[in-house]
């Protein structure tokens, strides 16, 4: 017969056994509901986070993905900075939130050192696309540059916002090609693409997914991508380097971050869980629907990448003469 004291002893033994081999603080991380926070309204990034979270059951039994849009993503970054450093709150964000924004805003509520970098999860080049405002004989980047020089009042490009990587890619193209390229910022890629189709602007500099369907249907023309190689989603479209502008090589990466004081053993476990999730066919095929490719790297390589990207964007921002935003 099992007595009440026996039950208590067994419960204590069970609890002790469940914690054997787990680093300090890790059992708590697994027990709590984990929140992955995104700085965008529900869309591709939110869906990417859900795909990955669905393959991370070894890290936590319950994972909730929450969009926290506002202030161009700065609000969600500040939220994660102030969160408990126990692995229960994770930021999913473009690397530019960490590497570019410190050079764009006069004051930020966070610094890169406020976060521990876990891993990149996906990458995609940016796409330069033209619409009906540009004459139909423009089929290459060289054609477009020539058209912009002849039509300076109409040489414009739309992006998902001022002070973004997309903004500076367009500005760098204008400087490199020697023409005035008017930036038209929008609140997201969808309205920019809509105005491109309507002929309100000449071009857009956006993620591939923003205009992929319209390019495939022939409604828009894709001129060049910024990747180091051609995108598998638009294999007929040359890279900027192939078109004569190697300085415009850039890849938009999405990464995962946690508060800086998160114990290393928890960060390492999270990294392993992410690596395993990204190897799954479900995640690979799911990410492909958003015209992005899986990209995972070690924690050390990620930290080095962030440092080099920060220096690169600092130089680009300064070269464009951009005035930091208040």
C-alpha atoms as a PDB file:
ATOM      1  CA  UNK A   1       0.000   0.000   0.000  1.00  0.00           C
ATOM      2  CA  UNK A   2       1.307   3.409  -0.925  1.00  0.00           C
ATOM      3  CA  UNK A   3       1.031   5.911   1.910  1.00  0.00           C
ATOM      4  CA  UNK A   4       0.746   9.689   1.595  1.00  0.00           C
ATOM      5  CA  UNK A   5       4.365   9.955   2.720  1.00  0.00           C
ATOM      6  CA  UNK A   6       5.305   7.444   0.052  1.00  0.00           C
ATOM      7  CA  UNK A   7       3.555   9.485  -2.595  1.00  0.00           C
ATOM      8  CA  UNK A   8       5.394  12.616  -1.513  1.00  0.00           C
ATOM      9  CA  UNK A   9       8.698  10.756  -1.622  1.00  0.00           C
ATOM     10  CA  UNK A  10       7.956   9.407  -5.087  1.00  0.00           C
ATOM     11  CA  UNK A  11       6.960  12.871  -6.332  1.00  0.00           C
ATOM     12  CA  UNK A  12      10.158  14.362  -4.997  1.00  0.00           C
ATOM     13  CA  UNK A  13      12.207  11.608  -6.581  1.00  0.00           C
ATOM     14  CA  UNK A  14      10.392  12.064  -9.893  1.00  0.00           C
ATOM     15  CA  UNK A  15      11.039  15.801  -9.864  1.00  0.00           C
ATOM     16  CA  UNK A  16      14.692  15.253  -9.071  1.00  0.00           C
ATOM     17  CA  UNK A  17      15.016  12.632 -11.812  1.00  0.00           C
ATOM     18  CA  UNK A  18      13.400  14.952 -14.399  1.00  0.00           C
ATOM     19  CA  UNK A  19      16.024  17.582 -13.681  1.00  0.00           C
ATOM     20  CA  UNK A  20      19.016  15.244 -13.873  1.00  0.00           C
ATOM     21  CA  UNK A  21      21.382  16.280 -16.619  1.00  0.00           C
ATOM     22  CA  UNK A  22      19.664  19.640 -17.233  1.00  0.00           C
ATOM     23  CA  UNK A  23      21.750  22.788 -16.775  1.00  0.00           C
ATOM     24  CA  UNK A  24      20.551  25.243 -14.097  1.00  0.00           C
ATOM     25  CA  UNK A  25      17.569  27.275 -15.296  1.00  0.00           C
ATOM     26  CA  UNK A  26      16.828  25.024 -18.274  1.00  0.00           C
ATOM     27  CA  UNK A  27      13.998  23.091 -16.653  1.00  0.00           C
ATOM     28  CA  UNK A  28      12.203  26.399 -15.965  1.00  0.00           C
ATOM     29  CA  UNK A  29      12.650  27.455 -19.584  1.00  0.00           C
ATOM     30  CA  UNK A  30      11.066  24.216 -20.805  1.00  0.00           C
ATOM     31  CA  UNK A  31       8.199  24.464 -18.333  1.00  0.00           C
ATOM     32  CA  UNK A  32       7.140  28.003 -19.253  1.00  0.00           C
ATOM     33  CA  UNK A  33       5.197  28.978 -22.324  1.00  0.00           C
ATOM     34  CA  UNK A  34       7.692  30.410 -24.807  1.00  0.00           C
ATOM     35  CA  UNK A  35       6.781  33.539 -26.748  1.00  0.00           C
ATOM     36  CA  UNK A  36       8.308  34.380 -30.125  1.00  0.00           C
ATOM     37  CA  UNK A  37       7.721  38.070 -30.818  1.00  0.00           C
ATOM     38  CA  UNK A  38       7.688  39.689 -34.273  1.00  0.00           C
ATOM     39  CA  UNK A  39       7.666  43.398 -35.069  1.00  0.00           C
ATOM     40  CA  UNK A  40       5.341  43.034 -38.046  1.00  0.00           C
ATOM     41  CA  UNK A  41       1.614  42.617 -38.569  1.00  0.00           C
ATOM     42  CA  UNK A  42       0.587  39.026 -39.405  1.00  0.00           C
ATOM     43  CA  UNK A  43       2.287  38.055 -42.664  1.00  0.00           C
ATOM     44  CA  UNK A  44       5.340  36.187 -43.969  1.00  0.00           C
ATOM     45  CA  UNK A  45       7.525  36.658 -40.896  1.00  0.00           C
ATOM     46  CA  UNK A  46       4.719  35.657 -38.559  1.00  0.00           C
ATOM     47  CA  UNK A  47       4.105  32.548 -40.685  1.00  0.00           C
ATOM     48  CA  UNK A  48       7.828  31.718 -40.747  1.00  0.00           C
ATOM     49  CA  UNK A  49       7.953  31.893 -36.962  1.00  0.00           C
ATOM     50  CA  UNK A  50       4.969  29.535 -36.679  1.00  0.00           C
ATOM     51  CA  UNK A  51       6.568  27.037 -39.036  1.00  0.00           C
ATOM     52  CA  UNK A  52       9.761  26.976 -36.990  1.00  0.00           C
ATOM     53  CA  UNK A  53       7.935  26.923 -33.644  1.00  0.00           C
ATOM     54  CA  UNK A  54       6.009  23.851 -34.755  1.00  0.00           C
ATOM     55  CA  UNK A  55       9.289  21.923 -34.970  1.00  0.00           C
ATOM     56  CA  UNK A  56      10.685  23.059 -31.592  1.00  0.00           C
ATOM     57  CA  UNK A  57       8.753  20.845 -29.186  1.00  0.00           C
ATOM     58  CA  UNK A  58      12.008  19.565 -27.661  1.00  0.00           C
ATOM     59  CA  UNK A  59      12.732  23.102 -26.525  1.00  0.00           C
ATOM     60  CA  UNK A  60       9.313  23.919 -25.035  1.00  0.00           C
ATOM     61  CA  UNK A  61       5.960  22.203 -24.841  1.00  0.00           C
ATOM     62  CA  UNK A  62       4.093  25.401 -25.642  1.00  0.00           C
ATOM     63  CA  UNK A  63       5.292  28.121 -28.031  1.00  0.00           C
ATOM     64  CA  UNK A  64       3.177  31.147 -28.935  1.00  0.00           C
ATOM     65  CA  UNK A  65       3.999  33.484 -31.834  1.00  0.00           C
ATOM     66  CA  UNK A  66       2.895  37.079 -31.253  1.00  0.00           C
ATOM     67  CA  UNK A  67       3.024  40.030 -33.684  1.00  0.00           C
ATOM     68  CA  UNK A  68       4.034  43.238 -31.890  1.00  0.00           C
ATOM     69  CA  UNK A  69       4.130  45.865 -34.680  1.00  0.00           C
ATOM     70  CA  UNK A  70       4.956  49.515 -34.158  1.00  0.00           C
ATOM     71  CA  UNK A  71       7.711  52.108 -34.568  1.00  0.00           C
ATOM     72  CA  UNK A  72       9.261  50.227 -37.512  1.00  0.00           C
ATOM     73  CA  UNK A  73       9.996  47.264 -35.273  1.00  0.00           C
ATOM     74  CA  UNK A  74      11.692  49.133 -32.472  1.00  0.00           C
ATOM     75  CA  UNK A  75       8.907  48.437 -29.967  1.00  0.00           C
ATOM     76  CA  UNK A  76       9.237  44.679 -30.178  1.00  0.00           C
ATOM     77  CA  UNK A  77      13.029  44.864 -29.833  1.00  0.00           C
ATOM     78  CA  UNK A  78      12.704  46.957 -26.678  1.00  0.00           C
ATOM     79  CA  UNK A  79      10.097  44.516 -25.354  1.00  0.00           C
ATOM     80  CA  UNK A  80      12.452  41.565 -25.747  1.00  0.00           C
ATOM     81  CA  UNK A  81      15.329  43.518 -24.211  1.00  0.00           C
ATOM     82  CA  UNK A  82      13.257  43.987 -21.028  1.00  0.00           C
ATOM     83  CA  UNK A  83      11.936  40.413 -20.933  1.00  0.00           C
ATOM     84  CA  UNK A  84      12.986  37.682 -18.489  1.00  0.00           C
ATOM     85  CA  UNK A  85      16.359  36.310 -19.531  1.00  0.00           C
ATOM     86  CA  UNK A  86      15.324  32.665 -19.195  1.00  0.00           C
ATOM     87  CA  UNK A  87      14.772  31.646 -22.812  1.00  0.00           C
ATOM     88  CA  UNK A  88      11.016  32.154 -22.640  1.00  0.00           C
ATOM     89  CA  UNK A  89      10.893  35.287 -24.822  1.00  0.00           C
ATOM     90  CA  UNK A  90      12.492  35.233 -28.272  1.00  0.00           C
ATOM     91  CA  UNK A  91      12.756  37.949 -30.904  1.00  0.00           C
ATOM     92  CA  UNK A  92      12.431  37.040 -34.587  1.00  0.00           C
ATOM     93  CA  UNK A  93      13.553  39.960 -36.727  1.00  0.00           C
ATOM     94  CA  UNK A  94      15.520  41.090 -39.757  1.00  0.00           C
ATOM     95  CA  UNK A  95      19.155  41.584 -38.821  1.00  0.00           C
ATOM     96  CA  UNK A  96      18.794  45.232 -39.796  1.00  0.00           C
ATOM     97  CA  UNK A  97      16.901  45.872 -36.552  1.00  0.00           C
ATOM     98  CA  UNK A  98      20.203  45.194 -34.775  1.00  0.00           C
ATOM     99  CA  UNK A  99      22.842  46.110 -37.378  1.00  0.00           C
ATOM    100  CA  UNK A 100      21.274  49.059 -39.230  1.00  0.00           C
ATOM    101  CA  UNK A 101      18.958  50.881 -36.846  1.00  0.00           C
ATOM    102  CA  UNK A 102      21.749  52.088 -34.505  1.00  0.00           C
ATOM    103  CA  UNK A 103      23.062  54.106 -37.482  1.00  0.00           C
ATOM    104  CA  UNK A 104      19.629  55.352 -38.580  1.00  0.00           C
ATOM    105  CA  UNK A 105      18.008  56.614 -35.370  1.00  0.00           C
ATOM    106  CA  UNK A 106      19.455  59.323 -33.154  1.00  0.00           C
ATOM    107  CA  UNK A 107      18.201  57.535 -30.076  1.00  0.00           C
ATOM    108  CA  UNK A 108      17.233  53.904 -29.617  1.00  0.00           C
ATOM    109  CA  UNK A 109      15.870  52.156 -26.574  1.00  0.00           C
ATOM    110  CA  UNK A 110      18.365  49.338 -27.054  1.00  0.00           C
ATOM    111  CA  UNK A 111      21.888  48.494 -28.193  1.00  0.00           C
ATOM    112  CA  UNK A 112      23.199  45.390 -29.996  1.00  0.00           C
ATOM    113  CA  UNK A 113      24.896  44.277 -26.766  1.00  0.00           C
ATOM    114  CA  UNK A 114      21.456  43.988 -25.127  1.00  0.00           C
ATOM    115  CA  UNK A 115      20.875  40.703 -26.977  1.00  0.00           C
ATOM    116  CA  UNK A 116      22.339  37.263 -27.325  1.00  0.00           C
ATOM    117  CA  UNK A 117      22.313  36.103 -30.932  1.00  0.00           C
ATOM    118  CA  UNK A 118      20.876  32.608 -31.378  1.00  0.00           C
ATOM    119  CA  UNK A 119      20.860  31.861 -35.104  1.00  0.00           C
ATOM    120  CA  UNK A 120      19.832  33.097 -38.496  1.00  0.00           C
ATOM    121  CA  UNK A 121      16.839  31.171 -39.863  1.00  0.00           C
ATOM    122  CA  UNK A 122      16.179  32.448 -43.382  1.00  0.00           C
ATOM    123  CA  UNK A 123      17.630  34.659 -46.092  1.00  0.00           C
ATOM    124  CA  UNK A 124      16.543  36.235 -49.344  1.00  0.00           C
ATOM    125  CA  UNK A 125      17.942  38.820 -51.741  1.00  0.00           C
ATOM    126  CA  UNK A 126      16.127  42.037 -52.541  1.00  0.00           C
ATOM    127  CA  UNK A 127      14.482  42.546 -55.935  1.00  0.00           C
ATOM    128  CA  UNK A 128      14.398  45.630 -58.161  1.00  0.00           C
ATOM    129  CA  UNK A 129      11.136  45.629 -60.120  1.00  0.00           C
ATOM    130  CA  UNK A 130       9.696  48.114 -62.630  1.00  0.00           C
ATOM    131  CA  UNK A 131       6.102  48.700 -63.659  1.00  0.00           C
ATOM    132  CA  UNK A 132       4.017  50.346 -66.398  1.00  0.00           C
ATOM    133  CA  UNK A 133       5.363  53.823 -65.662  1.00  0.00           C
ATOM    134  CA  UNK A 134       8.617  52.676 -67.276  1.00  0.00           C
ATOM    135  CA  UNK A 135       8.590  52.179 -71.051  1.00  0.00           C
ATOM    136  CA  UNK A 136       8.100  48.590 -72.194  1.00  0.00           C
ATOM    137  CA  UNK A 137      11.459  48.350 -73.925  1.00  0.00           C
ATOM    138  CA  UNK A 138      13.228  48.552 -70.548  1.00  0.00           C
ATOM    139  CA  UNK A 139      14.187  44.956 -69.829  1.00  0.00           C
ATOM    140  CA  UNK A 140      17.548  45.167 -68.076  1.00  0.00           C
ATOM    141  CA  UNK A 141      19.104  47.182 -65.284  1.00  0.00           C
ATOM    142  CA  UNK A 142      21.247  49.032 -67.843  1.00  0.00           C
ATOM    143  CA  UNK A 143      18.060  49.940 -69.750  1.00  0.00           C
ATOM    144  CA  UNK A 144      16.466  51.229 -66.553  1.00  0.00           C
ATOM    145  CA  UNK A 145      19.464  53.329 -65.566  1.00  0.00           C
ATOM    146  CA  UNK A 146      19.446  54.894 -69.035  1.00  0.00           C
ATOM    147  CA  UNK A 147      15.701  55.517 -68.756  1.00  0.00           C
ATOM    148  CA  UNK A 148      16.129  57.189 -65.342  1.00  0.00           C
ATOM    149  CA  UNK A 149      18.785  59.525 -66.718  1.00  0.00           C
ATOM    150  CA  UNK A 150      16.496  60.553 -69.575  1.00  0.00           C
ATOM    151  CA  UNK A 151      13.445  60.811 -67.279  1.00  0.00           C
ATOM    152  CA  UNK A 152      14.819  62.266 -64.038  1.00  0.00           C
ATOM    153  CA  UNK A 153      11.414  63.523 -62.848  1.00  0.00           C
ATOM    154  CA  UNK A 154      10.034  59.989 -62.968  1.00  0.00           C
ATOM    155  CA  UNK A 155      13.044  58.096 -61.597  1.00  0.00           C
ATOM    156  CA  UNK A 156      11.546  56.818 -58.351  1.00  0.00           C
ATOM    157  CA  UNK A 157      11.567  53.704 -56.216  1.00  0.00           C
ATOM    158  CA  UNK A 158       9.202  52.580 -53.483  1.00  0.00           C
ATOM    159  CA  UNK A 159      10.196  50.663 -50.371  1.00  0.00           C
ATOM    160  CA  UNK A 160       8.619  49.465 -47.143  1.00  0.00           C
ATOM    161  CA  UNK A 161       9.893  52.516 -45.258  1.00  0.00           C
ATOM    162  CA  UNK A 162      12.559  55.157 -44.728  1.00  0.00           C
ATOM    163  CA  UNK A 163      15.742  54.097 -42.973  1.00  0.00           C
ATOM    164  CA  UNK A 164      15.403  50.451 -44.016  1.00  0.00           C
ATOM    165  CA  UNK A 165      17.941  48.313 -45.841  1.00  0.00           C
ATOM    166  CA  UNK A 166      15.670  48.589 -48.903  1.00  0.00           C
ATOM    167  CA  UNK A 167      15.923  52.377 -48.768  1.00  0.00           C
ATOM    168  CA  UNK A 168      19.715  52.293 -48.727  1.00  0.00           C
ATOM    169  CA  UNK A 169      19.971  49.727 -51.516  1.00  0.00           C
ATOM    170  CA  UNK A 170      18.049  52.083 -53.793  1.00  0.00           C
ATOM    171  CA  UNK A 171      20.066  55.088 -52.661  1.00  0.00           C
ATOM    172  CA  UNK A 172      23.301  53.194 -53.299  1.00  0.00           C
ATOM    173  CA  UNK A 173      22.163  52.250 -56.806  1.00  0.00           C
ATOM    174  CA  UNK A 174      21.454  55.901 -57.615  1.00  0.00           C
ATOM    175  CA  UNK A 175      24.893  56.946 -56.367  1.00  0.00           C
ATOM    176  CA  UNK A 176      26.694  54.106 -58.147  1.00  0.00           C
ATOM    177  CA  UNK A 177      24.910  54.703 -61.459  1.00  0.00           C
ATOM    178  CA  UNK A 178      25.103  58.506 -61.266  1.00  0.00           C
ATOM    179  CA  UNK A 179      21.446  59.545 -61.299  1.00  0.00           C
ATOM    180  CA  UNK A 180      18.922  60.998 -58.859  1.00  0.00           C
ATOM    181  CA  UNK A 181      16.793  58.128 -57.601  1.00  0.00           C
ATOM    182  CA  UNK A 182      13.790  59.485 -55.659  1.00  0.00           C
ATOM    183  CA  UNK A 183      12.871  57.398 -52.640  1.00  0.00           C
ATOM    184  CA  UNK A 184       9.149  56.946 -51.927  1.00  0.00           C
ATOM    185  CA  UNK A 185       8.634  55.250 -48.546  1.00  0.00           C
ATOM    186  CA  UNK A 186       5.465  53.268 -47.798  1.00  0.00           C
ATOM    187  CA  UNK A 187       3.995  51.598 -44.758  1.00  0.00           C
ATOM    188  CA  UNK A 188       4.879  48.136 -46.005  1.00  0.00           C
ATOM    189  CA  UNK A 189       5.586  46.366 -49.258  1.00  0.00           C
ATOM    190  CA  UNK A 190       1.956  45.804 -50.314  1.00  0.00           C
ATOM    191  CA  UNK A 191       1.020  49.476 -50.852  1.00  0.00           C
ATOM    192  CA  UNK A 192       4.306  50.105 -52.662  1.00  0.00           C
ATOM    193  CA  UNK A 193       3.595  47.219 -55.030  1.00  0.00           C
ATOM    194  CA  UNK A 194       0.048  48.451 -55.589  1.00  0.00           C
ATOM    195  CA  UNK A 195       1.314  51.892 -56.629  1.00  0.00           C
ATOM    196  CA  UNK A 196       3.917  50.263 -58.860  1.00  0.00           C
ATOM    197  CA  UNK A 197       1.201  48.327 -60.704  1.00  0.00           C
ATOM    198  CA  UNK A 198      -0.889  51.505 -61.044  1.00  0.00           C
ATOM    199  CA  UNK A 199       2.057  53.427 -62.500  1.00  0.00           C
ATOM    200  CA  UNK A 200       2.344  55.863 -59.592  1.00  0.00           C
ATOM    201  CA  UNK A 201       6.024  55.045 -59.137  1.00  0.00           C
ATOM    202  CA  UNK A 202       8.642  53.708 -61.543  1.00  0.00           C
ATOM    203  CA  UNK A 203      10.094  50.868 -59.475  1.00  0.00           C
ATOM    204  CA  UNK A 204      10.258  49.121 -56.146  1.00  0.00           C
ATOM    205  CA  UNK A 205      13.104  47.710 -54.064  1.00  0.00           C
ATOM    206  CA  UNK A 206      11.436  45.003 -52.007  1.00  0.00           C
ATOM    207  CA  UNK A 207      11.696  41.366 -50.918  1.00  0.00           C
ATOM    208  CA  UNK A 208      11.054  38.958 -53.791  1.00  0.00           C
ATOM    209  CA  UNK A 209       7.753  37.740 -52.366  1.00  0.00           C
ATOM    210  CA  UNK A 210       6.233  41.235 -52.645  1.00  0.00           C
ATOM    211  CA  UNK A 211       6.052  41.096 -56.432  1.00  0.00           C
ATOM    212  CA  UNK A 212       6.874  37.492 -57.379  1.00  0.00           C
ATOM    213  CA  UNK A 213       3.371  36.630 -58.571  1.00  0.00           C
ATOM    214  CA  UNK A 214       3.059  39.806 -60.625  1.00  0.00           C
ATOM    215  CA  UNK A 215       6.463  39.200 -62.197  1.00  0.00           C
ATOM    216  CA  UNK A 216       5.505  35.652 -63.088  1.00  0.00           C
ATOM    217  CA  UNK A 217       2.233  36.875 -64.640  1.00  0.00           C
ATOM    218  CA  UNK A 218       4.068  39.490 -66.718  1.00  0.00           C
ATOM    219  CA  UNK A 219       2.436  42.487 -65.040  1.00  0.00           C
ATOM    220  CA  UNK A 220       5.767  43.641 -63.641  1.00  0.00           C
ATOM    221  CA  UNK A 221       9.383  43.287 -64.809  1.00  0.00           C
ATOM    222  CA  UNK A 222      12.108  42.021 -62.499  1.00  0.00           C
ATOM    223  CA  UNK A 223      15.470  43.565 -63.395  1.00  0.00           C
ATOM    224  CA  UNK A 224      17.967  42.374 -60.794  1.00  0.00           C
ATOM    225  CA  UNK A 225      18.357  40.755 -57.390  1.00  0.00           C
ATOM    226  CA  UNK A 226      20.948  41.684 -54.780  1.00  0.00           C
ATOM    227  CA  UNK A 227      22.109  38.186 -53.848  1.00  0.00           C
ATOM    228  CA  UNK A 228      25.572  36.682 -54.383  1.00  0.00           C
ATOM    229  CA  UNK A 229      23.946  34.253 -56.829  1.00  0.00           C
ATOM    230  CA  UNK A 230      20.677  34.092 -58.743  1.00  0.00           C
ATOM    231  CA  UNK A 231      17.579  33.380 -56.716  1.00  0.00           C
ATOM    232  CA  UNK A 232      16.077  29.911 -57.246  1.00  0.00           C
ATOM    233  CA  UNK A 233      12.689  31.625 -57.287  1.00  0.00           C
ATOM    234  CA  UNK A 234      13.667  33.872 -60.232  1.00  0.00           C
ATOM    235  CA  UNK A 235      16.533  32.011 -61.933  1.00  0.00           C
ATOM    236  CA  UNK A 236      16.279  34.060 -65.148  1.00  0.00           C
ATOM    237  CA  UNK A 237      16.839  37.350 -63.314  1.00  0.00           C
ATOM    238  CA  UNK A 238      20.501  38.432 -63.042  1.00  0.00           C
ATOM    239  CA  UNK A 239      22.163  39.625 -59.862  1.00  0.00           C
ATOM    240  CA  UNK A 240      23.238  43.221 -59.375  1.00  0.00           C
ATOM    241  CA  UNK A 241      26.841  42.072 -59.709  1.00  0.00           C
ATOM    242  CA  UNK A 242      26.086  40.432 -63.057  1.00  0.00           C
ATOM    243  CA  UNK A 243      24.441  43.677 -64.136  1.00  0.00           C
ATOM    244  CA  UNK A 244      27.588  45.652 -63.294  1.00  0.00           C
ATOM    245  CA  UNK A 245      26.967  46.752 -59.681  1.00  0.00           C
ATOM    246  CA  UNK A 246      28.847  44.426 -57.302  1.00  0.00           C
ATOM    247  CA  UNK A 247      28.641  46.980 -54.485  1.00  0.00           C
ATOM    248  CA  UNK A 248      24.897  46.295 -54.305  1.00  0.00           C
ATOM    249  CA  UNK A 249      25.244  42.723 -53.110  1.00  0.00           C
ATOM    250  CA  UNK A 250      23.034  42.225 -50.080  1.00  0.00           C
ATOM    251  CA  UNK A 251      20.979  39.478 -48.479  1.00  0.00           C
ATOM    252  CA  UNK A 252      18.134  40.125 -46.076  1.00  0.00           C
ATOM    253  CA  UNK A 253      18.460  37.713 -43.190  1.00  0.00           C
ATOM    254  CA  UNK A 254      16.006  36.888 -40.445  1.00  0.00           C
ATOM    255  CA  UNK A 255      17.425  35.904 -37.073  1.00  0.00           C
ATOM    256  CA  UNK A 256      16.465  34.928 -33.553  1.00  0.00           C
ATOM    257  CA  UNK A 257      17.605  36.800 -30.447  1.00  0.00           C
ATOM    258  CA  UNK A 258      17.095  36.598 -26.691  1.00  0.00           C
ATOM    259  CA  UNK A 259      17.934  39.026 -23.856  1.00  0.00           C
ATOM    260  CA  UNK A 260      21.680  39.353 -23.292  1.00  0.00           C
ATOM    261  CA  UNK A 261      21.710  37.847 -19.796  1.00  0.00           C
ATOM    262  CA  UNK A 262      20.094  34.595 -20.898  1.00  0.00           C
ATOM    263  CA  UNK A 263      22.312  31.740 -19.598  1.00  0.00           C
ATOM    264  CA  UNK A 264      24.599  30.340 -22.269  1.00  0.00           C
ATOM    265  CA  UNK A 265      23.308  26.791 -21.797  1.00  0.00           C
ATOM    266  CA  UNK A 266      19.778  27.925 -22.606  1.00  0.00           C
ATOM    267  CA  UNK A 267      20.938  29.867 -25.677  1.00  0.00           C
ATOM    268  CA  UNK A 268      22.850  26.810 -26.861  1.00  0.00           C
ATOM    269  CA  UNK A 269      19.822  24.549 -26.391  1.00  0.00           C
ATOM    270  CA  UNK A 270      17.684  27.018 -28.316  1.00  0.00           C
ATOM    271  CA  UNK A 271      20.276  27.116 -31.088  1.00  0.00           C
ATOM    272  CA  UNK A 272      20.224  23.311 -31.338  1.00  0.00           C
ATOM    273  CA  UNK A 273      16.428  23.315 -31.449  1.00  0.00           C
ATOM    274  CA  UNK A 274      16.473  25.888 -34.251  1.00  0.00           C
ATOM    275  CA  UNK A 275      19.045  23.934 -36.246  1.00  0.00           C
ATOM    276  CA  UNK A 276      16.922  20.802 -35.976  1.00  0.00           C
ATOM    277  CA  UNK A 277      13.753  22.673 -36.979  1.00  0.00           C
ATOM    278  CA  UNK A 278      15.415  24.158 -40.049  1.00  0.00           C
ATOM    279  CA  UNK A 279      16.453  20.704 -41.246  1.00  0.00           C
ATOM    280  CA  UNK A 280      12.837  19.548 -41.419  1.00  0.00           C
ATOM    281  CA  UNK A 281      11.204  19.255 -44.829  1.00  0.00           C
ATOM    282  CA  UNK A 282       8.113  21.010 -43.481  1.00  0.00           C
ATOM    283  CA  UNK A 283      10.073  24.152 -42.617  1.00  0.00           C
ATOM    284  CA  UNK A 284      12.086  24.108 -45.846  1.00  0.00           C
ATOM    285  CA  UNK A 285       9.018  23.791 -48.057  1.00  0.00           C
ATOM    286  CA  UNK A 286       7.073  26.250 -45.928  1.00  0.00           C
ATOM    287  CA  UNK A 287       9.756  28.927 -46.151  1.00  0.00           C
ATOM    288  CA  UNK A 288      10.007  28.433 -49.912  1.00  0.00           C
ATOM    289  CA  UNK A 289       6.392  29.611 -50.200  1.00  0.00           C
ATOM    290  CA  UNK A 290       7.637  33.025 -49.078  1.00  0.00           C
ATOM    291  CA  UNK A 291      10.539  33.001 -51.543  1.00  0.00           C
ATOM    292  CA  UNK A 292      13.115  32.689 -48.772  1.00  0.00           C
ATOM    293  CA  UNK A 293      15.732  30.014 -48.197  1.00  0.00           C
ATOM    294  CA  UNK A 294      16.732  28.319 -44.979  1.00  0.00           C
ATOM    295  CA  UNK A 295      19.920  29.691 -43.463  1.00  0.00           C
ATOM    296  CA  UNK A 296      21.312  28.536 -40.142  1.00  0.00           C
ATOM    297  CA  UNK A 297      24.708  29.271 -38.646  1.00  0.00           C
ATOM    298  CA  UNK A 298      26.482  28.708 -35.352  1.00  0.00           C
ATOM    299  CA  UNK A 299      26.200  31.184 -32.508  1.00  0.00           C
ATOM    300  CA  UNK A 300      29.822  32.281 -32.926  1.00  0.00           C
ATOM    301  CA  UNK A 301      29.449  32.807 -36.677  1.00  0.00           C
ATOM    302  CA  UNK A 302      26.223  34.726 -36.078  1.00  0.00           C
ATOM    303  CA  UNK A 303      27.942  37.059 -33.613  1.00  0.00           C
ATOM    304  CA  UNK A 304      30.735  37.728 -36.123  1.00  0.00           C
ATOM    305  CA  UNK A 305      28.193  38.316 -38.895  1.00  0.00           C
ATOM    306  CA  UNK A 306      26.325  40.880 -36.818  1.00  0.00           C
ATOM    307  CA  UNK A 307      29.533  42.786 -36.087  1.00  0.00           C
ATOM    308  CA  UNK A 308      30.604  42.889 -39.742  1.00  0.00           C
ATOM    309  CA  UNK A 309      27.116  43.823 -40.941  1.00  0.00           C
ATOM    310  CA  UNK A 310      26.945  46.672 -38.455  1.00  0.00           C
ATOM    311  CA  UNK A 311      30.182  48.143 -39.802  1.00  0.00           C
ATOM    312  CA  UNK A 312      29.009  47.668 -43.398  1.00  0.00           C
ATOM    313  CA  UNK A 313      25.720  49.458 -42.850  1.00  0.00           C
ATOM    314  CA  UNK A 314      27.400  52.239 -40.918  1.00  0.00           C
ATOM    315  CA  UNK A 315      29.570  52.984 -43.954  1.00  0.00           C
ATOM    316  CA  UNK A 316      26.614  52.775 -46.361  1.00  0.00           C
ATOM    317  CA  UNK A 317      24.437  55.112 -44.298  1.00  0.00           C
ATOM    318  CA  UNK A 318      27.237  57.660 -43.984  1.00  0.00           C
ATOM    319  CA  UNK A 319      28.024  57.485 -47.719  1.00  0.00           C
ATOM    320  CA  UNK A 320      24.424  58.344 -48.630  1.00  0.00           C
ATOM    321  CA  UNK A 321      24.446  61.439 -46.420  1.00  0.00           C
ATOM    322  CA  UNK A 322      21.387  60.190 -44.566  1.00  0.00           C
ATOM    323  CA  UNK A 323      20.257  62.368 -41.653  1.00  0.00           C
ATOM    324  CA  UNK A 324      19.495  60.202 -38.618  1.00  0.00           C
ATOM    325  CA  UNK A 325      15.836  60.080 -37.607  1.00  0.00           C
ATOM    326  CA  UNK A 326      14.800  61.630 -34.294  1.00  0.00           C
END
